[in-house]
């Protein structure tokens, strides 16, 4: 009888030990398994690229072809008005150009800056379709009536111009297509201000 009782107690203790051991294990419910997310380390996270400053930088250039170009009498002479349009120079097309295209005439324009701009930029050249001038063609820049820059070009070359116009009220640009002594050029000569623009 005593042996039988000892056996029962032993069986009960064994079962209790199994239950305690099971309860000590970490439990994961089916719902928790479905919603559990894998751990993501900093090295496995997708990297985001910083915006390129150059891609967000706004262009502050104001093309002269979009401004009010007025006739000029710089130096007491009468200057003809430029034609706006496309110009091809050394095989490259410039869509915003001021063109002088009559070899016996001189061209010019006034642009009122109203002290809003700091810099004037442009490239000057003869068009690929131009005749060969007897003399290099001069381009001049005046700021409030004072001549500040003059460059001359021949066929097949171009020159960049950059002028400080800070605080200026008026900009004047001219192109002289006539040869020295007010003679006409021997061939039809076409010249242009390529992409002329003002910058704040």
Protein backbone atom coordinates (compact mmCIF):
# COMPACT_ATOMS: atom_id res chain seq x y z
CA UNK A 1 0.00 0.00 0.00
CA UNK A 2 2.79 2.37 0.87
CA UNK A 3 4.57 1.57 -2.41
CA UNK A 4 1.38 2.32 -4.34
CA UNK A 5 1.01 5.73 -2.67
CA UNK A 6 4.65 6.59 -3.30
CA UNK A 7 4.18 5.77 -7.00
CA UNK A 8 1.19 8.07 -7.28
CA UNK A 9 3.03 10.93 -5.59
CA UNK A 10 6.04 10.44 -7.85
CA UNK A 11 3.83 10.54 -10.95
CA UNK A 12 2.13 13.71 -9.75
CA UNK A 13 5.46 15.42 -9.07
CA UNK A 14 6.80 14.40 -12.50
CA UNK A 15 3.72 15.82 -14.25
CA UNK A 16 3.97 19.03 -12.26
CA UNK A 17 7.62 19.42 -13.28
CA UNK A 18 6.72 19.03 -16.95
CA UNK A 19 3.99 21.66 -16.63
CA UNK A 20 6.31 24.12 -14.87
CA UNK A 21 9.01 23.60 -17.52
CA UNK A 22 6.48 24.22 -20.33
CA UNK A 23 5.19 27.40 -18.71
CA UNK A 24 8.75 28.70 -18.39
CA UNK A 25 9.21 28.61 -22.19
CA UNK A 26 8.62 31.95 -24.15
CA UNK A 27 5.19 31.88 -25.67
CA UNK A 28 4.38 33.28 -29.17
CA UNK A 29 0.78 33.41 -30.28
CA UNK A 30 -0.19 32.97 -33.94
CA UNK A 31 -1.23 36.64 -34.05
CA UNK A 32 2.13 37.74 -32.70
CA UNK A 33 3.90 35.57 -35.27
CA UNK A 34 1.89 37.17 -38.10
CA UNK A 35 2.60 40.73 -37.00
CA UNK A 36 6.19 40.26 -35.91
CA UNK A 37 8.56 42.36 -38.11
CA UNK A 38 12.15 41.40 -38.85
CA UNK A 39 14.75 43.49 -37.09
CA UNK A 40 16.36 46.03 -39.42
CA UNK A 41 19.84 47.23 -38.72
CA UNK A 42 21.18 50.61 -39.77
CA UNK A 43 23.32 48.92 -42.40
CA UNK A 44 20.31 47.28 -44.08
CA UNK A 45 18.15 50.40 -44.22
CA UNK A 46 17.82 51.97 -47.71
CA UNK A 47 19.97 55.07 -48.02
CA UNK A 48 18.36 58.32 -49.16
CA UNK A 49 20.35 60.59 -51.44
CA UNK A 50 20.70 64.22 -50.51
CA UNK A 51 19.35 66.65 -53.14
CA UNK A 52 21.93 68.02 -55.52
CA UNK A 53 22.25 71.78 -54.84
CA UNK A 54 22.88 72.45 -58.52
CA UNK A 55 19.58 70.82 -59.50
CA UNK A 56 17.55 73.15 -57.28
CA UNK A 57 19.45 76.31 -58.01
CA UNK A 58 17.29 78.78 -59.91
CA UNK A 59 18.65 80.64 -62.89
CA UNK A 60 18.44 84.38 -62.23
CA UNK A 61 19.43 85.41 -65.75
CA UNK A 62 17.12 87.79 -67.63
CA UNK A 63 17.60 87.46 -71.42
CA UNK A 64 17.80 90.79 -73.23
CA UNK A 65 15.48 89.46 -75.93
CA UNK A 66 12.71 89.44 -73.28
CA UNK A 67 13.30 93.06 -72.26
CA UNK A 68 12.22 96.39 -73.70
CA UNK A 69 14.97 97.30 -76.19
CA UNK A 70 14.84 100.99 -77.02
CA UNK A 71 16.49 102.81 -79.90
CA UNK A 72 19.63 104.74 -79.07
CA UNK A 73 21.39 107.87 -80.30
CA UNK A 74 24.63 107.06 -78.47
CA UNK A 75 27.32 109.56 -79.54
CA UNK A 76 24.80 111.61 -81.50
CA UNK A 77 24.47 108.93 -84.22
CA UNK A 78 21.40 107.04 -85.29
CA UNK A 79 21.61 103.31 -84.66
CA UNK A 80 19.40 100.69 -86.26
CA UNK A 81 17.51 98.18 -84.13
CA UNK A 82 18.66 94.61 -83.71
CA UNK A 83 16.69 91.64 -84.94
CA UNK A 84 15.91 89.04 -82.28
CA UNK A 85 16.12 85.38 -83.16
CA UNK A 86 18.37 82.39 -83.69
CA UNK A 87 22.02 82.68 -84.68
CA UNK A 88 24.39 79.89 -85.72
CA UNK A 89 28.01 80.40 -84.75
CA UNK A 90 30.72 77.78 -85.22
CA UNK A 91 28.05 75.16 -85.75
CA UNK A 92 26.17 75.92 -82.53
CA UNK A 93 22.65 77.34 -82.48
CA UNK A 94 21.86 80.25 -80.12
CA UNK A 95 18.12 80.79 -79.78
CA UNK A 96 18.16 84.11 -77.86
CA UNK A 97 20.33 86.45 -79.91
CA UNK A 98 20.41 90.07 -81.03
CA UNK A 99 21.43 90.15 -84.68
CA UNK A 100 22.89 92.90 -86.87
CA UNK A 101 22.69 91.84 -90.49
CA UNK A 102 23.08 94.77 -92.90
CA UNK A 103 26.74 95.43 -93.68
CA UNK A 104 26.29 99.18 -94.31
CA UNK A 105 24.51 99.91 -91.03
CA UNK A 106 25.39 100.30 -87.37
CA UNK A 107 23.19 98.81 -84.67
CA UNK A 108 22.45 99.73 -81.07
CA UNK A 109 19.95 99.46 -78.23
CA UNK A 110 19.24 100.99 -74.84
CA UNK A 111 18.08 98.84 -71.93
CA UNK A 112 16.85 100.53 -68.77
CA UNK A 113 18.20 98.57 -65.81
CA UNK A 114 16.57 100.72 -63.13
CA UNK A 115 19.44 99.73 -60.80
CA UNK A 116 18.04 96.21 -60.47
CA UNK A 117 20.93 94.20 -61.92
CA UNK A 118 24.54 93.49 -61.08
CA UNK A 119 26.09 91.90 -64.19
CA UNK A 120 25.69 91.89 -67.96
CA UNK A 121 26.98 88.86 -69.88
CA UNK A 122 27.08 87.92 -73.56
CA UNK A 123 29.20 86.38 -76.28
CA UNK A 124 29.83 88.29 -79.51
CA UNK A 125 30.61 86.79 -82.89
CA UNK A 126 29.95 86.83 -86.62
CA UNK A 127 27.38 84.35 -87.88
CA UNK A 128 28.54 81.31 -89.81
CA UNK A 129 26.62 82.67 -92.81
CA UNK A 130 28.40 86.04 -92.65
CA UNK A 131 30.67 87.41 -95.32
CA UNK A 132 34.27 88.19 -94.46
CA UNK A 133 34.56 91.77 -93.16
CA UNK A 134 37.28 94.12 -94.30
CA UNK A 135 37.97 94.98 -90.66
CA UNK A 136 37.12 93.18 -87.39
CA UNK A 137 33.63 94.09 -86.20
CA UNK A 138 33.55 96.13 -82.95
CA UNK A 139 30.98 95.55 -80.20
CA UNK A 140 30.73 98.14 -77.43
CA UNK A 141 29.07 98.35 -74.02
CA UNK A 142 28.09 101.65 -72.37
CA UNK A 143 26.90 102.00 -68.78
CA UNK A 144 25.00 105.23 -68.11
CA UNK A 145 26.57 106.76 -71.22
CA UNK A 146 30.15 105.78 -70.38
CA UNK A 147 31.91 103.28 -72.63
CA UNK A 148 33.20 100.46 -70.41
CA UNK A 149 34.04 97.66 -72.83
CA UNK A 150 34.85 97.20 -76.52
CA UNK A 151 35.79 93.98 -78.28
CA UNK A 152 36.27 93.23 -81.98
CA UNK A 153 35.82 89.89 -83.72
CA UNK A 154 36.54 88.42 -87.13
CA UNK A 155 34.82 85.55 -88.88
CA UNK A 156 35.37 82.24 -87.08
CA UNK A 157 35.99 83.63 -83.60
CA UNK A 158 33.86 84.59 -80.62
CA UNK A 159 34.55 86.51 -77.43
CA UNK A 160 32.80 86.53 -74.06
CA UNK A 161 31.82 89.79 -72.38
CA UNK A 162 31.08 90.34 -68.70
CA UNK A 163 30.39 93.84 -67.35
CA UNK A 164 29.55 95.06 -63.86
CA UNK A 165 26.34 97.12 -63.99
CA UNK A 166 25.71 97.43 -60.25
CA UNK A 167 23.77 100.62 -59.48
CA UNK A 168 23.45 101.53 -63.16
CA UNK A 169 20.27 102.96 -64.63
CA UNK A 170 20.90 102.28 -68.34
CA UNK A 171 22.86 99.83 -70.44
CA UNK A 172 23.67 100.55 -74.09
CA UNK A 173 25.11 98.05 -76.56
CA UNK A 174 26.30 98.80 -80.12
CA UNK A 175 27.63 96.94 -83.14
CA UNK A 176 29.37 98.76 -86.00
CA UNK A 177 29.13 96.90 -89.27
CA UNK A 178 30.52 99.67 -91.44
CA UNK A 179 34.18 99.55 -92.31
CA UNK A 180 36.58 102.33 -91.32
CA UNK A 181 35.81 105.65 -92.97
CA UNK A 182 32.07 104.85 -92.90
CA UNK A 183 32.42 102.62 -95.94
CA UNK A 184 30.27 99.57 -96.47
CA UNK A 185 31.83 96.21 -95.87
CA UNK A 186 32.78 94.44 -99.11
CA UNK A 187 30.41 91.55 -98.40
CA UNK A 188 27.21 91.03 -96.45
CA UNK A 189 28.32 90.81 -92.84
CA UNK A 190 26.11 89.47 -90.04
CA UNK A 191 27.05 89.77 -86.37
CA UNK A 192 25.28 88.99 -83.12
CA UNK A 193 25.17 89.24 -79.37
CA UNK A 194 24.72 85.60 -78.36
CA UNK A 195 22.58 84.87 -75.28
CA UNK A 196 22.91 88.40 -73.86
CA UNK A 197 21.52 88.50 -70.33
CA UNK A 198 21.35 90.50 -67.12
CA UNK A 199 21.90 88.96 -63.70
CA UNK A 200 20.68 90.16 -60.32
